[in-house]
Amino acid sequence: MGIYLNPGNEKFYNAVRNSKIYVDKTELIKFTNSVLCSEQRNVCVSRSRRFGKSMAANMLLAYYSRGCNSVELFDKLAIASEEGYKSNLNKYNVIHLNMIDFLSRTDSIDDLIEYLKKVLRELKKEYPDIDCFDWNDLVDVLETIHYEKKQPFIFIIDEWDCIFRKYPHNVEEQKKYLEFLRFLLKDKSYVAFAYMTGILPIKKYGEHSALNMFDEYSMTNQRELAEFTGFTEEEVSGLCVQYEMPYEKMKQWYHGYELKGVQIYNPRSVVMALLGHDFDSYWTKTETYEALKKYIQLDMYNLKAMVTRLIAGESVPVNPDKFQNDMTTLQSADDVLILLVHLGYLTYDFYNQKAKIPNQEVQIWYLSLEAKLINQRL
């Protein structure tokens, strides 16, 4: 068991056994098992902050990693009743990379890639008998291990897009990072499954994704993974009964994320409301995204009028197709609104191609922003 190679299941164990509130989302594993070693084995799931990205990553790590025994942990969860559950449990080499951890220790993408040699040391310790041509080349090492041992790898990459938040204007650094991921994962026989999480979808240059081998699941289209993006109505209804909280008020405050026909609640806010036994703006207080406000304050693309309509409860038409999946290349009102969708400040109706404010918690954030704009004009 290592830090990056085949970690243990402690984080997921603590979430399940020690947390005051745990909502079972293990049936996501039914989906991930269905794409192992297939053409659909590269999956990128982007969703708003505090919507359970790391929880899902830790769950998959605990399920697949050969570095732990998770039978007792998963046998009591929903996935245990699914066909094929035991056949993949703790059977794979898992490489877990939290890119924020790497980025916080480095000053450039070159340094980040160099820091990944920590993974190489763990691989060499695990496979001392492997005769590898270049123990400093991660791809060469992985290819050699797979060829000699017939053991594929699962990659779980959390916060994959943090590079685009730290280097928002450095296109060369961004491209270097994307090329590294492409070379590591694309068309490699040692990859049984790659699961990336982040806030933003994969960066596009022009009309194309830089990592086009990934199937994407985002806040504009979570496809078949919608129910795993947040809490469902059934889940929240049960929790309200358990904690003696009014369901209709919970719905008013935190409901309203429309994910291709599935209605989702903000999980962070629901948990905080249940534990505190009150209702407040828990999620919107954790980050303000000041950079976005300038587009509205300067009334770029007539956004002030759109925000007024949104606050009034209207849905506004929006086209997601031109969005470049970053926080800086915003060239139209559509781009800004779709960014707000990915950040969780709007929800997107896939079928009608319209955006709206999802719930009271987020509406309060917009009302506060509107009040500041009015004061600035006075």
Protein backbone atom coordinates (compact mmCIF):
# COMPACT_ATOMS: atom_id res chain seq x y z
CA MET A 1 0.00 0.00 0.00
CA GLY A 2 1.42 3.39 -1.02
CA ILE A 3 0.49 7.05 -1.06
CA TYR A 4 -0.21 7.14 -4.79
CA LEU A 5 -0.05 3.48 -5.84
CA ASN A 6 -2.77 1.29 -4.35
CA PRO A 7 -3.70 3.53 -1.40
CA GLY A 8 -5.90 2.26 1.39
CA ASN A 9 -9.60 2.85 1.99
CA GLU A 10 -9.35 5.07 5.08
CA LYS A 11 -10.97 8.18 3.57
CA PHE A 12 -14.00 6.32 2.30
CA TYR A 13 -14.20 4.27 5.48
CA ASN A 14 -14.35 7.46 7.54
CA ALA A 15 -17.06 8.87 5.27
CA VAL A 16 -19.23 5.76 5.62
CA ARG A 17 -18.62 4.71 9.21
CA ASN A 18 -17.73 7.95 11.02
CA SER A 19 -19.72 10.69 9.28
CA LYS A 20 -22.97 11.79 10.86
CA ILE A 21 -24.67 11.73 7.45
CA TYR A 22 -23.73 9.36 4.63
CA VAL A 23 -25.81 8.90 1.47
CA ASP A 24 -25.03 5.68 -0.38
CA LYS A 25 -23.91 6.42 -3.96
CA THR A 26 -22.08 3.13 -4.51
CA GLU A 27 -24.27 2.16 -7.45
CA LEU A 28 -22.01 4.48 -9.45
CA ILE A 29 -19.65 1.49 -9.36
CA LYS A 30 -22.13 -0.48 -11.47
CA PHE A 31 -21.52 2.06 -14.22
CA THR A 32 -17.73 2.16 -13.81
CA ASN A 33 -17.55 -1.66 -13.85
CA SER A 34 -19.47 -1.63 -17.14
CA VAL A 35 -16.81 0.46 -18.90
CA LEU A 36 -13.66 -1.25 -17.57
CA CYS A 37 -11.23 -2.13 -20.36
CA SER A 38 -13.68 -0.86 -22.99
CA GLU A 39 -13.63 1.97 -25.52
CA GLN A 40 -15.53 4.03 -22.91
CA ARG A 41 -12.92 3.51 -20.19
CA ASN A 42 -11.90 7.19 -20.02
CA VAL A 43 -14.42 9.20 -17.99
CA CYS A 44 -14.26 12.86 -16.95
CA VAL A 45 -16.89 13.95 -14.40
CA SER A 46 -17.05 17.70 -13.78
CA ARG A 47 -19.39 19.22 -11.26
CA SER A 48 -19.62 22.23 -8.98
CA ARG A 49 -17.51 22.49 -5.83
CA ARG A 50 -18.77 20.61 -2.79
CA PHE A 51 -20.93 18.33 -4.94
CA GLY A 52 -19.13 15.16 -3.89
CA LYS A 53 -16.30 14.88 -6.44
CA SER A 54 -13.66 13.74 -3.97
CA MET A 55 -16.14 11.48 -2.16
CA ALA A 56 -16.79 9.60 -5.40
CA ALA A 57 -13.06 9.39 -6.17
CA ASN A 58 -12.33 8.00 -2.69
CA MET A 59 -15.13 5.47 -3.08
CA LEU A 60 -13.75 4.17 -6.39
CA LEU A 61 -10.26 4.02 -4.91
CA ALA A 62 -11.50 1.98 -1.94
CA TYR A 63 -13.39 -0.38 -4.24
CA TYR A 64 -10.72 -1.08 -6.87
CA SER A 65 -7.40 -0.75 -5.02
CA ARG A 66 -5.34 -3.86 -4.35
CA GLY A 67 -3.83 -1.98 -1.43
CA CYS A 68 -6.75 -2.68 0.91
CA ASN A 69 -9.48 -5.16 1.77
CA SER A 70 -12.85 -3.43 1.50
CA VAL A 71 -15.19 -6.44 1.65
CA GLU A 72 -16.70 -5.57 5.02
CA LEU A 73 -17.06 -1.94 3.99
CA PHE A 74 -18.91 -2.51 0.70
CA ASP A 75 -20.86 -5.65 1.63
CA LYS A 76 -23.33 -3.47 3.52
CA LEU A 77 -23.79 -0.93 0.71
CA ALA A 78 -26.05 -0.88 -2.36
CA ILE A 79 -23.42 -2.07 -4.85
CA ALA A 80 -23.13 -5.42 -3.06
CA SER A 81 -26.38 -6.61 -4.66
CA GLU A 82 -25.16 -5.94 -8.21
CA GLU A 83 -23.85 -8.65 -10.50
CA GLY A 84 -20.06 -8.59 -10.83
CA TYR A 85 -19.58 -6.77 -7.54
CA LYS A 86 -17.06 -9.22 -6.08
CA SER A 87 -15.19 -9.87 -9.33
CA ASN A 88 -13.68 -6.36 -9.38
CA LEU A 89 -13.45 -5.64 -5.65
CA ASN A 90 -9.82 -4.80 -4.71
CA LYS A 91 -8.48 -6.43 -7.87
CA TYR A 92 -6.68 -3.56 -9.62
CA ASN A 93 -3.54 -1.50 -9.39
CA VAL A 94 -4.84 2.00 -8.71
CA ILE A 95 -2.85 5.20 -9.18
CA HIS A 96 -4.49 8.07 -7.33
CA LEU A 97 -3.38 11.61 -8.16
CA ASN A 98 -4.87 14.64 -6.45
CA MET A 99 -3.54 17.41 -8.65
CA ILE A 100 -4.02 20.10 -6.00
CA ASP A 101 -1.55 18.25 -3.77
CA PHE A 102 1.01 18.15 -6.58
CA LEU A 103 0.40 21.73 -7.69
CA SER A 104 0.77 23.13 -4.16
CA ARG A 105 4.31 21.73 -4.04
CA THR A 106 5.46 23.06 -7.41
CA ASP A 107 5.84 26.31 -9.34
CA SER A 108 5.37 25.08 -12.90
CA ILE A 109 3.99 22.22 -14.95
CA ASP A 110 7.52 20.94 -15.53
CA ASP A 111 8.02 20.81 -11.76
CA LEU A 112 4.66 19.06 -11.34
CA ILE A 113 5.58 16.37 -13.87
CA GLU A 114 8.94 15.96 -12.16
CA TYR A 115 7.20 15.60 -8.79
CA LEU A 116 5.26 12.67 -10.22
CA LYS A 117 8.46 10.65 -9.86
CA LYS A 118 7.16 9.87 -6.39
CA VAL A 119 4.80 7.48 -8.19
CA LEU A 120 7.79 5.89 -9.93
CA ARG A 121 9.47 5.17 -6.60
CA GLU A 122 6.38 3.37 -5.38
CA LEU A 123 6.16 1.37 -8.60
CA LYS A 124 9.80 0.35 -8.30
CA LYS A 125 9.26 -0.75 -4.70
CA GLU A 126 6.18 -2.77 -5.68
CA TYR A 127 7.88 -4.38 -8.70
CA PRO A 128 11.61 -4.74 -7.84
CA ASP A 129 11.95 -7.66 -10.26
CA ILE A 130 10.90 -5.66 -13.33
CA ASP A 131 13.71 -4.91 -15.75
CA CYS A 132 12.66 -1.51 -17.03
CA PHE A 133 14.66 0.36 -19.66
CA ASP A 134 14.13 3.79 -18.07
CA TRP A 135 12.89 4.01 -14.47
CA ASN A 136 12.51 7.80 -14.90
CA ASP A 137 9.89 7.43 -17.66
CA LEU A 138 6.44 6.83 -16.15
CA VAL A 139 4.85 5.62 -19.38
CA ASP A 140 7.73 3.23 -20.09
CA VAL A 141 7.52 1.81 -16.56
CA LEU A 142 3.75 1.30 -16.76
CA GLU A 143 4.00 -0.34 -20.18
CA THR A 144 6.74 -2.70 -18.96
CA ILE A 145 4.83 -3.71 -15.82
CA HIS A 146 1.69 -4.37 -17.82
CA TYR A 147 3.57 -6.39 -20.44
CA GLU A 148 5.43 -8.56 -17.93
CA LYS A 149 2.80 -8.91 -15.20
CA LYS A 150 -0.39 -8.66 -17.29
CA GLN A 151 -1.76 -6.24 -14.68
CA PRO A 152 -3.59 -3.15 -15.99
CA PHE A 153 -3.94 0.09 -14.02
CA ILE A 154 -6.84 2.28 -12.95
CA PHE A 155 -6.15 6.02 -12.77
CA ILE A 156 -8.18 8.23 -10.44
CA ILE A 157 -7.27 11.88 -10.96
CA ASP A 158 -8.99 14.32 -8.61
CA GLU A 159 -9.18 18.09 -9.20
CA TRP A 160 -7.68 17.58 -12.64
CA ASP A 161 -8.52 21.16 -13.71
CA CYS A 162 -6.83 23.06 -10.86
CA ILE A 163 -4.03 23.95 -13.28
CA PHE A 164 -6.49 26.12 -15.23
CA ARG A 165 -7.37 27.99 -12.06
CA LYS A 166 -3.75 28.58 -11.00
CA TYR A 167 -2.54 29.44 -14.51
CA PRO A 168 -5.70 30.93 -16.08
CA HIS A 169 -3.81 32.95 -18.71
CA ASN A 170 -0.78 30.72 -19.30
CA VAL A 171 -1.80 28.80 -22.40
CA GLU A 172 1.63 27.19 -22.83
CA GLU A 173 1.56 25.69 -19.32
CA GLN A 174 -2.00 24.48 -19.89
CA LYS A 175 -1.12 22.81 -23.18
CA LYS A 176 1.95 21.18 -21.66
CA TYR A 177 -0.17 19.71 -18.89
CA LEU A 178 -2.83 18.43 -21.30
CA GLU A 179 -0.16 16.88 -23.49
CA PHE A 180 1.24 15.08 -20.45
CA LEU A 181 -2.19 13.61 -19.64
CA ARG A 182 -2.72 12.69 -23.27
CA PHE A 183 0.60 10.86 -23.49
CA LEU A 184 -0.04 9.10 -20.16
CA LEU A 185 -3.56 7.87 -20.92
CA LYS A 186 -4.48 7.92 -24.61
CA ASP A 187 -4.48 4.54 -26.38
CA LYS A 188 -2.43 2.89 -23.63
CA SER A 189 -3.03 -0.84 -23.14
CA TYR A 190 -2.15 -0.54 -19.44
CA VAL A 191 -5.20 1.69 -18.79
CA ALA A 192 -8.17 -0.36 -17.60
CA PHE A 193 -10.05 2.76 -16.50
CA ALA A 194 -9.35 6.47 -16.05
CA TYR A 195 -11.63 8.61 -13.91
CA MET A 196 -11.00 12.37 -13.72
CA THR A 197 -12.91 14.87 -11.63
CA GLY A 198 -12.92 18.66 -11.63
CA ILE A 199 -15.13 21.72 -11.68
CA LEU A 200 -14.66 22.46 -15.38
CA PRO A 201 -15.05 20.15 -18.37
CA ILE A 202 -11.96 19.37 -20.40
CA LYS A 203 -10.40 22.48 -21.91
CA LYS A 204 -11.17 23.07 -25.58
CA TYR A 205 -9.05 24.91 -28.11
CA GLY A 206 -11.35 26.00 -30.89
CA GLU A 207 -14.08 23.40 -31.36
CA HIS A 208 -12.16 20.41 -30.04
CA SER A 209 -11.34 18.89 -26.67
CA ALA A 210 -7.65 18.51 -25.96
CA LEU A 211 -8.29 15.06 -24.46
CA ASN A 212 -10.80 13.72 -26.94
CA MET A 213 -10.58 10.12 -25.70
CA PHE A 214 -12.65 11.05 -22.61
CA ASP A 215 -16.40 10.73 -22.32
CA GLU A 216 -17.57 13.82 -20.45
CA TYR A 217 -20.25 14.19 -17.79
CA SER A 218 -20.78 17.83 -16.80
CA MET A 219 -23.33 20.16 -15.22
CA THR A 220 -24.78 20.79 -18.68
CA ASN A 221 -25.17 17.07 -19.39
CA GLN A 222 -24.50 14.49 -16.68
CA ARG A 223 -26.06 11.82 -18.92
CA GLU A 224 -26.62 8.57 -17.00
CA LEU A 225 -24.69 9.81 -13.96
CA ALA A 226 -27.16 12.54 -12.97
CA GLU A 227 -28.41 10.79 -9.81
CA PHE A 228 -24.83 10.56 -8.51
CA THR A 229 -24.15 14.29 -8.89
CA GLY A 230 -25.96 15.38 -5.73
CA PHE A 231 -28.79 14.23 -3.47
CA THR A 232 -32.03 13.07 -5.12
CA GLU A 233 -35.52 13.99 -3.99
CA GLU A 234 -36.06 10.55 -2.50
CA GLU A 235 -32.80 10.72 -0.54
CA VAL A 236 -33.52 14.19 0.85
CA SER A 237 -37.10 13.30 1.71
CA GLY A 238 -35.87 10.38 3.81
CA LEU A 239 -33.27 12.51 5.55
CA CYS A 240 -35.86 15.16 6.40
CA VAL A 241 -38.00 12.52 8.10
CA GLN A 242 -34.98 11.19 9.99
CA TYR A 243 -33.92 14.66 11.20
CA GLU A 244 -37.45 16.04 11.63
CA MET A 245 -36.92 18.85 9.14
CA PRO A 246 -39.62 20.32 6.83
CA TYR A 247 -39.15 18.81 3.39
CA GLU A 248 -40.88 21.62 1.45
CA LYS A 249 -38.62 24.25 2.99
CA MET A 250 -35.55 22.10 2.26
CA LYS A 251 -36.74 21.88 -1.34
CA GLN A 252 -37.23 25.64 -1.55
CA TRP A 253 -33.73 26.37 -0.28
CA TYR A 254 -31.49 23.75 -1.92
CA HIS A 255 -33.40 21.95 -4.70
CA GLY A 256 -33.56 22.83 -8.37
CA TYR A 257 -30.47 21.55 -10.17
CA GLU A 258 -31.87 20.19 -13.42
CA LEU A 259 -29.65 17.42 -14.77
CA LYS A 260 -31.27 16.04 -17.89
CA GLY A 261 -34.60 15.43 -16.25
CA VAL A 262 -33.25 14.48 -12.81
CA GLN A 263 -33.80 16.99 -10.02
CA ILE A 264 -30.82 17.28 -7.68
CA TYR A 265 -30.23 18.99 -4.33
CA ASN A 266 -27.01 20.71 -3.28
CA PRO A 267 -25.50 18.03 -0.99
CA ARG A 268 -23.27 20.35 1.02
CA SER A 269 -26.13 22.65 2.00
CA VAL A 270 -28.55 19.82 2.79
CA VAL A 271 -26.05 18.20 5.16
CA MET A 272 -25.31 21.50 6.90
CA ALA A 273 -29.02 22.30 7.24
CA LEU A 274 -29.79 18.87 8.70
CA LEU A 275 -26.93 18.98 11.19
CA GLY A 276 -27.62 22.56 12.26
CA HIS A 277 -31.37 22.11 12.10
CA ASP A 278 -31.81 25.40 10.27
CA PHE A 279 -31.68 26.93 6.79
CA ASP A 280 -28.96 29.27 5.60
CA SER A 281 -26.72 30.02 2.61
CA TYR A 282 -24.09 27.43 3.49
CA TRP A 283 -22.75 26.67 0.02
CA THR A 284 -22.62 30.19 -1.45
CA LYS A 285 -20.70 31.48 1.57
CA THR A 286 -17.74 29.19 0.90
CA GLU A 287 -16.56 31.02 -2.24
CA THR A 288 -17.67 34.14 -4.07
CA TYR A 289 -15.97 33.95 -7.48
CA GLU A 290 -15.20 37.65 -7.51
CA ALA A 291 -13.72 37.38 -11.00
CA LEU A 292 -17.15 36.64 -12.44
CA LYS A 293 -18.71 39.76 -11.01
CA LYS A 294 -16.80 42.06 -13.32
CA TYR A 295 -18.74 40.81 -16.34
CA ILE A 296 -22.00 41.77 -14.66
CA GLN A 297 -20.72 44.97 -13.07
CA LEU A 298 -19.44 46.29 -16.40
CA ASP A 299 -22.66 45.08 -18.05
CA MET A 300 -20.69 43.15 -20.63
CA TYR A 301 -22.97 41.41 -23.13
CA ASN A 302 -26.03 43.03 -21.45
CA LEU A 303 -25.66 40.68 -18.49
CA LYS A 304 -27.27 43.03 -15.96
CA ALA A 305 -30.62 42.75 -17.71
CA MET A 306 -30.26 38.97 -17.85
CA VAL A 307 -29.48 38.77 -14.14
CA THR A 308 -32.58 40.87 -13.39
CA ARG A 309 -34.69 38.42 -15.40
CA LEU A 310 -33.10 35.46 -13.64
CA ILE A 311 -33.77 36.94 -10.20
CA ALA A 312 -37.41 37.42 -11.24
CA GLY A 313 -37.62 33.67 -11.81
CA GLU A 314 -37.28 33.60 -15.57
CA SER A 315 -35.30 31.09 -17.60
CA VAL A 316 -33.02 32.57 -20.26
CA PRO A 317 -31.93 30.87 -23.49
CA VAL A 318 -28.27 29.86 -23.56
CA ASN A 319 -26.04 28.05 -26.05
CA PRO A 320 -23.29 25.93 -24.42
CA ASP A 321 -21.52 24.93 -27.63
CA LYS A 322 -18.99 27.78 -27.90
CA PHE A 323 -17.83 27.68 -24.28
CA GLN A 324 -14.09 26.91 -24.16
CA ASN A 325 -14.21 25.25 -20.71
CA ASP A 326 -12.10 27.79 -18.88
CA MET A 327 -12.67 30.87 -16.70
CA THR A 328 -11.00 33.43 -18.94
CA THR A 329 -12.05 32.89 -22.59
CA LEU A 330 -15.49 34.43 -22.12
CA GLN A 331 -16.57 36.07 -25.36
CA SER A 332 -20.34 36.23 -25.05
CA ALA A 333 -23.21 36.21 -22.56
CA ASP A 334 -23.61 32.50 -23.30
CA ASP A 335 -20.04 31.84 -22.16
CA VAL A 336 -20.54 33.64 -18.85
CA LEU A 337 -23.88 31.96 -18.17
CA ILE A 338 -22.52 28.48 -18.97
CA LEU A 339 -19.57 29.11 -16.66
CA LEU A 340 -22.08 29.98 -13.95
CA VAL A 341 -23.82 26.67 -14.67
CA HIS A 342 -20.59 24.72 -14.19
CA LEU A 343 -19.89 26.64 -10.98
CA GLY A 344 -23.37 25.86 -9.64
CA TYR A 345 -24.77 29.41 -9.69
CA LEU A 346 -27.24 28.50 -12.44
CA THR A 347 -28.84 25.28 -13.56
CA TYR A 348 -29.22 24.24 -17.19
CA ASP A 349 -32.24 22.63 -18.84
CA PHE A 350 -30.64 20.34 -21.42
CA TYR A 351 -33.83 19.76 -23.41
CA ASN A 352 -34.93 23.41 -23.67
CA GLN A 353 -31.42 24.93 -23.63
CA LYS A 354 -32.29 27.44 -20.93
CA ALA A 355 -30.62 28.48 -17.69
CA LYS A 356 -32.19 29.65 -14.44
CA ILE A 357 -31.42 30.19 -10.76
CA PRO A 358 -31.93 26.81 -9.07
CA ASN A 359 -33.09 27.72 -5.56
CA GLN A 360 -33.44 30.28 -2.79
CA GLU A 361 -29.87 29.90 -1.52
CA VAL A 362 -28.41 30.90 -4.88
CA GLN A 363 -31.05 33.57 -5.47
CA ILE A 364 -29.93 35.31 -2.26
CA TRP A 365 -26.39 35.46 -3.74
CA TYR A 366 -27.74 37.18 -6.88
CA LEU A 367 -29.87 39.59 -4.83
CA SER A 368 -26.78 40.55 -2.84
CA LEU A 369 -24.85 41.10 -6.07
CA GLU A 370 -27.67 43.21 -7.53
CA ALA A 371 -27.79 45.34 -4.37
CA LYS A 372 -24.07 46.05 -4.66
CA LEU A 373 -24.48 47.08 -8.28
CA ILE A 374 -27.28 49.50 -7.33
CA ASN A 375 -25.17 51.03 -4.56
CA GLN A 376 -22.30 51.55 -7.01
CA ARG A 377 -24.58 53.54 -9.31
CA LEU A 378 -25.82 55.81 -6.51
